[in-house]
Amino acid sequence: MRKLIAITQLSLDGVMQAPGGPDEDPRSNFTHGGWFMGFDDDAVPKAMDKLISGKFDLLLGRRTYDIFASYWPQHVDNPIGKAFGKVVKYVVTSRDNGLDWKTSVRVGGKAAEGVRKLKATKGPPLHVWGSSELLQTLIAAGLVDEYQFWVAPVVLGYGKRLFGPGAPPQKLELVDGKIGSGGVLVNTYRPAGPLPEDSNASPKSKRAAAKKPAKGKG
């Protein structure tokens, strides 16, 4: 079984949208594109070097794949571009066209089913970068084996969040943690099971909690 690792740049309030550039993902009028790039922090290149030095393949949503494919093939002199160019790029998409980056493979059909079958094959770990919409499906299906969060000391206030509304409640175990020179946290977590049920809660309230996230005030 192949391990699936989600590598995500996050703000302190959990936003993962468009960390790399102003035009990366402006949907829903998001105007903070490139917010992660302003942090000069030694933890980030160390974490990146460790990730790309080992064996891995990429698993990407279509939008993230298109962003990567438009940039990294022109930067093969960069260690990241060189590593990404060699690995297999699995793309969850309904479209066959446009997968021109070498060693790109389409994962069609229902996303969770296709990724579950992919995980059952032999091969190196699957690294998921960005791909916010795909991640919602993978999280809901319990297919993520490990999370690596690069948490920047910034609050954005709005934008796509990694754990969106309806994400299943679960415990995460911290298995590694580092803080960089610029305040970026590089933390690795693994799923550690569901939250314990409240023994005093009624069956009706348990069903309601399972259907929708709790809403608070303030």
C-alpha atoms as a PDB file:
ATOM      1  CA  MET A   1       0.000   0.000   0.000  1.00  0.00           C
ATOM      2  CA  ARG A   2       1.422   3.362  -1.037  1.00  0.00           C
ATOM      3  CA  LYS A   3       1.476   6.124   1.562  1.00  0.00           C
ATOM      4  CA  LEU A   4      -0.346   9.343   0.641  1.00  0.00           C
ATOM      5  CA  ILE A   5       1.234  12.491   2.075  1.00  0.00           C
ATOM      6  CA  ALA A   6      -0.463  15.885   1.836  1.00  0.00           C
ATOM      7  CA  ILE A   7       2.076  18.738   1.845  1.00  0.00           C
ATOM      8  CA  THR A   8       0.314  22.023   2.473  1.00  0.00           C
ATOM      9  CA  GLN A   9       1.328  25.628   3.029  1.00  0.00           C
ATOM     10  CA  LEU A  10      -1.048  27.105   5.596  1.00  0.00           C
ATOM     11  CA  SER A  11      -1.789  30.380   7.320  1.00  0.00           C
ATOM     12  CA  LEU A  12      -2.467  30.354  11.048  1.00  0.00           C
ATOM     13  CA  ASP A  13      -6.198  30.427  10.313  1.00  0.00           C
ATOM     14  CA  GLY A  14      -5.944  27.386   8.053  1.00  0.00           C
ATOM     15  CA  VAL A  15      -6.035  29.020   4.598  1.00  0.00           C
ATOM     16  CA  MET A  16      -4.172  27.185   1.832  1.00  0.00           C
ATOM     17  CA  GLN A  17      -5.292  29.199  -1.203  1.00  0.00           C
ATOM     18  CA  ALA A  18      -2.700  30.586  -3.640  1.00  0.00           C
ATOM     19  CA  PRO A  19       0.432  30.586  -1.472  1.00  0.00           C
ATOM     20  CA  GLY A  20       2.812  30.800  -4.422  1.00  0.00           C
ATOM     21  CA  GLY A  21       1.783  33.761  -6.564  1.00  0.00           C
ATOM     22  CA  PRO A  22      -0.805  36.492  -7.222  1.00  0.00           C
ATOM     23  CA  ASP A  23      -2.350  34.703 -10.226  1.00  0.00           C
ATOM     24  CA  GLU A  24      -2.263  31.195  -8.783  1.00  0.00           C
ATOM     25  CA  ASP A  25      -5.898  31.048  -7.657  1.00  0.00           C
ATOM     26  CA  PRO A  26      -7.858  34.313  -7.483  1.00  0.00           C
ATOM     27  CA  ARG A  27     -11.246  32.596  -7.271  1.00  0.00           C
ATOM     28  CA  SER A  28     -13.815  34.023  -4.848  1.00  0.00           C
ATOM     29  CA  ASN A  29     -11.988  37.373  -5.116  1.00  0.00           C
ATOM     30  CA  PHE A  30      -8.949  36.133  -3.192  1.00  0.00           C
ATOM     31  CA  THR A  31      -6.429  38.990  -3.293  1.00  0.00           C
ATOM     32  CA  HIS A  32      -3.588  37.634  -1.120  1.00  0.00           C
ATOM     33  CA  GLY A  33      -1.994  35.387  -3.750  1.00  0.00           C
ATOM     34  CA  GLY A  34       1.675  34.714  -2.994  1.00  0.00           C
ATOM     35  CA  TRP A  35       1.280  35.275   0.747  1.00  0.00           C
ATOM     36  CA  PHE A  36       3.703  32.461   1.675  1.00  0.00           C
ATOM     37  CA  MET A  37       6.571  33.664  -0.484  1.00  0.00           C
ATOM     38  CA  GLY A  38       7.462  36.625   1.745  1.00  0.00           C
ATOM     39  CA  PHE A  39       8.894  34.509   4.551  1.00  0.00           C
ATOM     40  CA  ASP A  40      12.671  34.085   4.616  1.00  0.00           C
ATOM     41  CA  ASP A  41      12.845  30.939   6.699  1.00  0.00           C
ATOM     42  CA  ASP A  42      15.451  28.189   6.833  1.00  0.00           C
ATOM     43  CA  ALA A  43      12.918  25.492   7.746  1.00  0.00           C
ATOM     44  CA  VAL A  44      11.258  25.602   4.328  1.00  0.00           C
ATOM     45  CA  PRO A  45      14.271  24.750   2.093  1.00  0.00           C
ATOM     46  CA  LYS A  46      15.345  22.069   4.574  1.00  0.00           C
ATOM     47  CA  ALA A  47      11.903  20.466   4.463  1.00  0.00           C
ATOM     48  CA  MET A  48      11.804  20.722   0.679  1.00  0.00           C
ATOM     49  CA  ASP A  49      15.269  19.193   0.270  1.00  0.00           C
ATOM     50  CA  LYS A  50      14.239  16.253   2.446  1.00  0.00           C
ATOM     51  CA  LEU A  51      11.047  15.689   0.453  1.00  0.00           C
ATOM     52  CA  ILE A  52      12.579  15.765  -3.030  1.00  0.00           C
ATOM     53  CA  SER A  53      15.694  13.774  -2.103  1.00  0.00           C
ATOM     54  CA  GLY A  54      13.679  10.607  -1.503  1.00  0.00           C
ATOM     55  CA  LYS A  55      11.574   8.492  -3.826  1.00  0.00           C
ATOM     56  CA  PHE A  56       8.057   9.735  -4.495  1.00  0.00           C
ATOM     57  CA  ASP A  57       5.406  10.301  -7.137  1.00  0.00           C
ATOM     58  CA  LEU A  58       3.042  13.264  -7.417  1.00  0.00           C
ATOM     59  CA  LEU A  59      -0.731  13.124  -7.083  1.00  0.00           C
ATOM     60  CA  LEU A  60      -2.367  16.366  -8.185  1.00  0.00           C
ATOM     61  CA  GLY A  61      -5.715  17.908  -8.948  1.00  0.00           C
ATOM     62  CA  ARG A  62      -6.116  19.288 -12.450  1.00  0.00           C
ATOM     63  CA  ARG A  63      -5.708  22.961 -11.563  1.00  0.00           C
ATOM     64  CA  THR A  64      -2.500  22.390  -9.578  1.00  0.00           C
ATOM     65  CA  TYR A  65      -1.156  20.133 -12.322  1.00  0.00           C
ATOM     66  CA  ASP A  66      -1.712  22.830 -14.950  1.00  0.00           C
ATOM     67  CA  ILE A  67       0.072  25.410 -12.763  1.00  0.00           C
ATOM     68  CA  PHE A  68       3.033  23.091 -12.192  1.00  0.00           C
ATOM     69  CA  ALA A  69       3.172  21.991 -15.839  1.00  0.00           C
ATOM     70  CA  SER A  70       3.326  25.601 -17.032  1.00  0.00           C
ATOM     71  CA  TYR A  71       6.301  26.371 -14.786  1.00  0.00           C
ATOM     72  CA  TRP A  72       8.520  23.479 -13.715  1.00  0.00           C
ATOM     73  CA  PRO A  73       9.425  22.029 -17.138  1.00  0.00           C
ATOM     74  CA  GLN A  74      11.100  25.391 -17.863  1.00  0.00           C
ATOM     75  CA  HIS A  75      13.091  25.197 -14.608  1.00  0.00           C
ATOM     76  CA  VAL A  76      14.767  21.794 -14.724  1.00  0.00           C
ATOM     77  CA  ASP A  77      17.979  23.438 -13.494  1.00  0.00           C
ATOM     78  CA  ASN A  78      16.194  23.934 -10.181  1.00  0.00           C
ATOM     79  CA  PRO A  79      16.365  20.857  -7.873  1.00  0.00           C
ATOM     80  CA  ILE A  80      12.583  20.937  -7.479  1.00  0.00           C
ATOM     81  CA  GLY A  81      11.980  21.119 -11.220  1.00  0.00           C
ATOM     82  CA  LYS A  82      14.501  18.336 -11.794  1.00  0.00           C
ATOM     83  CA  ALA A  83      12.835  16.071  -9.204  1.00  0.00           C
ATOM     84  CA  PHE A  84       9.302  16.810 -10.417  1.00  0.00           C
ATOM     85  CA  GLY A  85      10.341  16.159 -13.989  1.00  0.00           C
ATOM     86  CA  LYS A  86      11.532  12.616 -13.213  1.00  0.00           C
ATOM     87  CA  VAL A  87       8.630  11.359 -11.114  1.00  0.00           C
ATOM     88  CA  VAL A  88       5.269  10.083 -12.296  1.00  0.00           C
ATOM     89  CA  LYS A  89       2.574  12.769 -12.142  1.00  0.00           C
ATOM     90  CA  TYR A  90      -0.834  11.231 -11.415  1.00  0.00           C
ATOM     91  CA  VAL A  91      -3.585  13.705 -12.274  1.00  0.00           C
ATOM     92  CA  VAL A  92      -7.159  13.381 -11.055  1.00  0.00           C
ATOM     93  CA  THR A  93      -9.118  14.825 -13.968  1.00  0.00           C
ATOM     94  CA  SER A  94     -12.068  14.162 -16.251  1.00  0.00           C
ATOM     95  CA  ARG A  95     -10.130  15.460 -19.270  1.00  0.00           C
ATOM     96  CA  ASP A  96      -7.596  13.512 -21.325  1.00  0.00           C
ATOM     97  CA  ASN A  97      -6.149  16.502 -23.139  1.00  0.00           C
ATOM     98  CA  GLY A  98      -3.319  18.704 -21.942  1.00  0.00           C
ATOM     99  CA  LEU A  99      -1.337  16.137 -19.956  1.00  0.00           C
ATOM    100  CA  ASP A 100       1.796  16.930 -21.930  1.00  0.00           C
ATOM    101  CA  TRP A 101       4.295  17.043 -19.080  1.00  0.00           C
ATOM    102  CA  LYS A 102       6.350  13.873 -19.431  1.00  0.00           C
ATOM    103  CA  THR A 103       5.414  10.910 -17.229  1.00  0.00           C
ATOM    104  CA  SER A 104       1.898  12.237 -16.593  1.00  0.00           C
ATOM    105  CA  VAL A 105      -0.881   9.704 -15.998  1.00  0.00           C
ATOM    106  CA  ARG A 106      -4.600  10.420 -15.820  1.00  0.00           C
ATOM    107  CA  VAL A 107      -6.641   9.135 -12.878  1.00  0.00           C
ATOM    108  CA  GLY A 108     -10.203   9.175 -14.150  1.00  0.00           C
ATOM    109  CA  GLY A 109     -13.580   8.226 -12.771  1.00  0.00           C
ATOM    110  CA  LYS A 110     -14.592   8.974  -9.216  1.00  0.00           C
ATOM    111  CA  ALA A 111     -11.641  10.576  -7.418  1.00  0.00           C
ATOM    112  CA  ALA A 112     -11.771   8.589  -4.180  1.00  0.00           C
ATOM    113  CA  GLU A 113     -12.174   5.267  -5.984  1.00  0.00           C
ATOM    114  CA  GLY A 114      -9.351   6.021  -8.420  1.00  0.00           C
ATOM    115  CA  VAL A 115      -6.947   7.137  -5.710  1.00  0.00           C
ATOM    116  CA  ARG A 116      -7.809   4.129  -3.540  1.00  0.00           C
ATOM    117  CA  LYS A 117      -6.878   1.832  -6.422  1.00  0.00           C
ATOM    118  CA  LEU A 118      -3.689   3.820  -7.037  1.00  0.00           C
ATOM    119  CA  LYS A 119      -2.661   3.495  -3.389  1.00  0.00           C
ATOM    120  CA  ALA A 120      -3.064  -0.274  -3.656  1.00  0.00           C
ATOM    121  CA  THR A 121      -0.388  -0.475  -6.394  1.00  0.00           C
ATOM    122  CA  LYS A 122       3.321  -0.906  -5.827  1.00  0.00           C
ATOM    123  CA  GLY A 123       5.428   2.235  -5.843  1.00  0.00           C
ATOM    124  CA  PRO A 124       6.833   5.094  -3.786  1.00  0.00           C
ATOM    125  CA  PRO A 125       4.777   7.442  -1.592  1.00  0.00           C
ATOM    126  CA  LEU A 126       2.336   9.798  -3.277  1.00  0.00           C
ATOM    127  CA  HIS A 127       2.906  13.504  -2.548  1.00  0.00           C
ATOM    128  CA  VAL A 128      -0.099  15.784  -2.863  1.00  0.00           C
ATOM    129  CA  TRP A 129       0.773  19.472  -3.245  1.00  0.00           C
ATOM    130  CA  GLY A 130      -1.946  22.110  -3.167  1.00  0.00           C
ATOM    131  CA  SER A 131      -4.954  20.549  -4.927  1.00  0.00           C
ATOM    132  CA  SER A 132      -7.435  21.956  -2.397  1.00  0.00           C
ATOM    133  CA  GLU A 133     -10.555  20.516  -4.025  1.00  0.00           C
ATOM    134  CA  LEU A 134      -9.045  17.058  -4.441  1.00  0.00           C
ATOM    135  CA  LEU A 135      -7.870  17.109  -0.829  1.00  0.00           C
ATOM    136  CA  GLN A 136     -11.400  17.645   0.449  1.00  0.00           C
ATOM    137  CA  THR A 137     -12.387  14.386  -1.247  1.00  0.00           C
ATOM    138  CA  LEU A 138      -9.316  12.515  -0.003  1.00  0.00           C
ATOM    139  CA  ILE A 139      -9.800  13.724   3.568  1.00  0.00           C
ATOM    140  CA  ALA A 140     -13.478  12.789   3.576  1.00  0.00           C
ATOM    141  CA  ALA A 141     -12.633   9.311   2.256  1.00  0.00           C
ATOM    142  CA  GLY A 142      -9.907   8.756   4.850  1.00  0.00           C
ATOM    143  CA  LEU A 143      -7.202   8.344   2.213  1.00  0.00           C
ATOM    144  CA  VAL A 144      -4.574  10.721   3.654  1.00  0.00           C
ATOM    145  CA  ASP A 145      -1.911   8.863   5.648  1.00  0.00           C
ATOM    146  CA  GLU A 146       0.190  11.853   6.650  1.00  0.00           C
ATOM    147  CA  TYR A 147       0.020  15.642   6.637  1.00  0.00           C
ATOM    148  CA  GLN A 148       3.016  17.944   6.442  1.00  0.00           C
ATOM    149  CA  PHE A 149       1.985  21.498   7.269  1.00  0.00           C
ATOM    150  CA  TRP A 150       4.189  24.509   6.574  1.00  0.00           C
ATOM    151  CA  VAL A 151       2.447  27.049   8.768  1.00  0.00           C
ATOM    152  CA  ALA A 152       3.371  30.696   8.220  1.00  0.00           C
ATOM    153  CA  PRO A 153       2.883  33.297  10.974  1.00  0.00           C
ATOM    154  CA  VAL A 154       0.143  35.151   9.121  1.00  0.00           C
ATOM    155  CA  VAL A 155      -3.647  35.446   9.379  1.00  0.00           C
ATOM    156  CA  LEU A 156      -5.498  35.913   6.072  1.00  0.00           C
ATOM    157  CA  GLY A 157      -9.086  36.048   7.262  1.00  0.00           C
ATOM    158  CA  TYR A 158     -10.635  34.336   4.256  1.00  0.00           C
ATOM    159  CA  GLY A 159      -9.851  31.877   1.485  1.00  0.00           C
ATOM    160  CA  LYS A 160      -9.950  28.132   0.894  1.00  0.00           C
ATOM    161  CA  ARG A 161      -9.134  26.138   3.983  1.00  0.00           C
ATOM    162  CA  LEU A 162      -7.545  22.725   4.140  1.00  0.00           C
ATOM    163  CA  PHE A 163     -10.181  21.362   6.488  1.00  0.00           C
ATOM    164  CA  GLY A 164     -13.329  22.794   5.008  1.00  0.00           C
ATOM    165  CA  PRO A 165     -16.908  22.589   6.274  1.00  0.00           C
ATOM    166  CA  GLY A 166     -17.972  18.981   6.616  1.00  0.00           C
ATOM    167  CA  ALA A 167     -14.476  17.567   7.159  1.00  0.00           C
ATOM    168  CA  PRO A 168     -14.782  14.482   9.374  1.00  0.00           C
ATOM    169  CA  PRO A 169     -13.819  15.143  13.008  1.00  0.00           C
ATOM    170  CA  GLN A 170     -10.613  13.276  13.803  1.00  0.00           C
ATOM    171  CA  LYS A 171      -7.570  13.287  16.000  1.00  0.00           C
ATOM    172  CA  LEU A 172      -4.114  13.942  14.562  1.00  0.00           C
ATOM    173  CA  GLU A 173      -0.859  12.745  16.107  1.00  0.00           C
ATOM    174  CA  LEU A 174       2.136  15.085  15.907  1.00  0.00           C
ATOM    175  CA  VAL A 175       5.083  12.929  14.798  1.00  0.00           C
ATOM    176  CA  ASP A 176       7.589  15.655  13.964  1.00  0.00           C
ATOM    177  CA  GLY A 177       7.799  19.392  14.474  1.00  0.00           C
ATOM    178  CA  LYS A 178      10.294  22.137  13.707  1.00  0.00           C
ATOM    179  CA  ILE A 179      10.267  25.924  13.879  1.00  0.00           C
ATOM    180  CA  GLY A 180      12.293  27.919  11.398  1.00  0.00           C
ATOM    181  CA  SER A 181      14.269  31.115  11.696  1.00  0.00           C
ATOM    182  CA  GLY A 182      11.368  33.180  10.324  1.00  0.00           C
ATOM    183  CA  GLY A 183       8.682  31.615  12.481  1.00  0.00           C
ATOM    184  CA  VAL A 184       7.401  29.033   9.985  1.00  0.00           C
ATOM    185  CA  LEU A 185       6.303  25.785  11.623  1.00  0.00           C
ATOM    186  CA  VAL A 186       6.995  22.541   9.766  1.00  0.00           C
ATOM    187  CA  ASN A 187       4.801  19.975  11.483  1.00  0.00           C
ATOM    188  CA  THR A 188       4.039  16.410  10.446  1.00  0.00           C
ATOM    189  CA  TYR A 189       0.831  14.743  11.614  1.00  0.00           C
ATOM    190  CA  ARG A 190      -0.769  11.350  11.122  1.00  0.00           C
ATOM    191  CA  PRO A 191      -4.454  10.517  11.542  1.00  0.00           C
ATOM    192  CA  ALA A 192      -5.045   8.990  14.957  1.00  0.00           C
ATOM    193  CA  GLY A 193      -8.679   7.956  14.784  1.00  0.00           C
ATOM    194  CA  PRO A 194     -12.037   9.647  15.295  1.00  0.00           C
ATOM    195  CA  LEU A 195     -12.888  11.886  18.200  1.00  0.00           C
ATOM    196  CA  PRO A 196     -14.375   9.999  21.149  1.00  0.00           C
ATOM    197  CA  GLU A 197     -18.138  10.255  21.273  1.00  0.00           C
ATOM    198  CA  ASP A 198     -19.804  12.198  24.042  1.00  0.00           C
ATOM    199  CA  SER A 199     -21.492   9.512  26.120  1.00  0.00           C
ATOM    200  CA  ASN A 200     -24.057  12.063  27.325  1.00  0.00           C
ATOM    201  CA  ALA A 201     -25.123  13.131  23.840  1.00  0.00           C
ATOM    202  CA  SER A 202     -28.452  11.892  22.545  1.00  0.00           C
ATOM    203  CA  PRO A 203     -28.598   9.731  19.378  1.00  0.00           C
ATOM    204  CA  LYS A 204     -30.403  12.613  17.623  1.00  0.00           C
ATOM    205  CA  SER A 205     -27.662  15.141  18.422  1.00  0.00           C
ATOM    206  CA  LYS A 206     -24.983  12.667  17.323  1.00  0.00           C
ATOM    207  CA  ARG A 207     -26.690  12.263  13.944  1.00  0.00           C
ATOM    208  CA  ALA A 208     -27.005  16.035  13.553  1.00  0.00           C
ATOM    209  CA  ALA A 209     -23.326  16.561  14.415  1.00  0.00           C
ATOM    210  CA  ALA A 210     -22.304  13.975  11.844  1.00  0.00           C
ATOM    211  CA  LYS A 211     -24.276  15.710   9.090  1.00  0.00           C
ATOM    212  CA  LYS A 212     -22.957  19.239   9.468  1.00  0.00           C
ATOM    213  CA  PRO A 213     -20.144  21.118  11.225  1.00  0.00           C
ATOM    214  CA  ALA A 214     -20.898  22.922  14.441  1.00  0.00           C
ATOM    215  CA  LYS A 215     -21.458  26.678  14.137  1.00  0.00           C
ATOM    216  CA  GLY A 216     -20.205  29.078  16.767  1.00  0.00           C
ATOM    217  CA  LYS A 217     -20.561  32.787  17.427  1.00  0.00           C
ATOM    218  CA  GLY A 218     -17.883  35.420  17.779  1.00  0.00           C
END
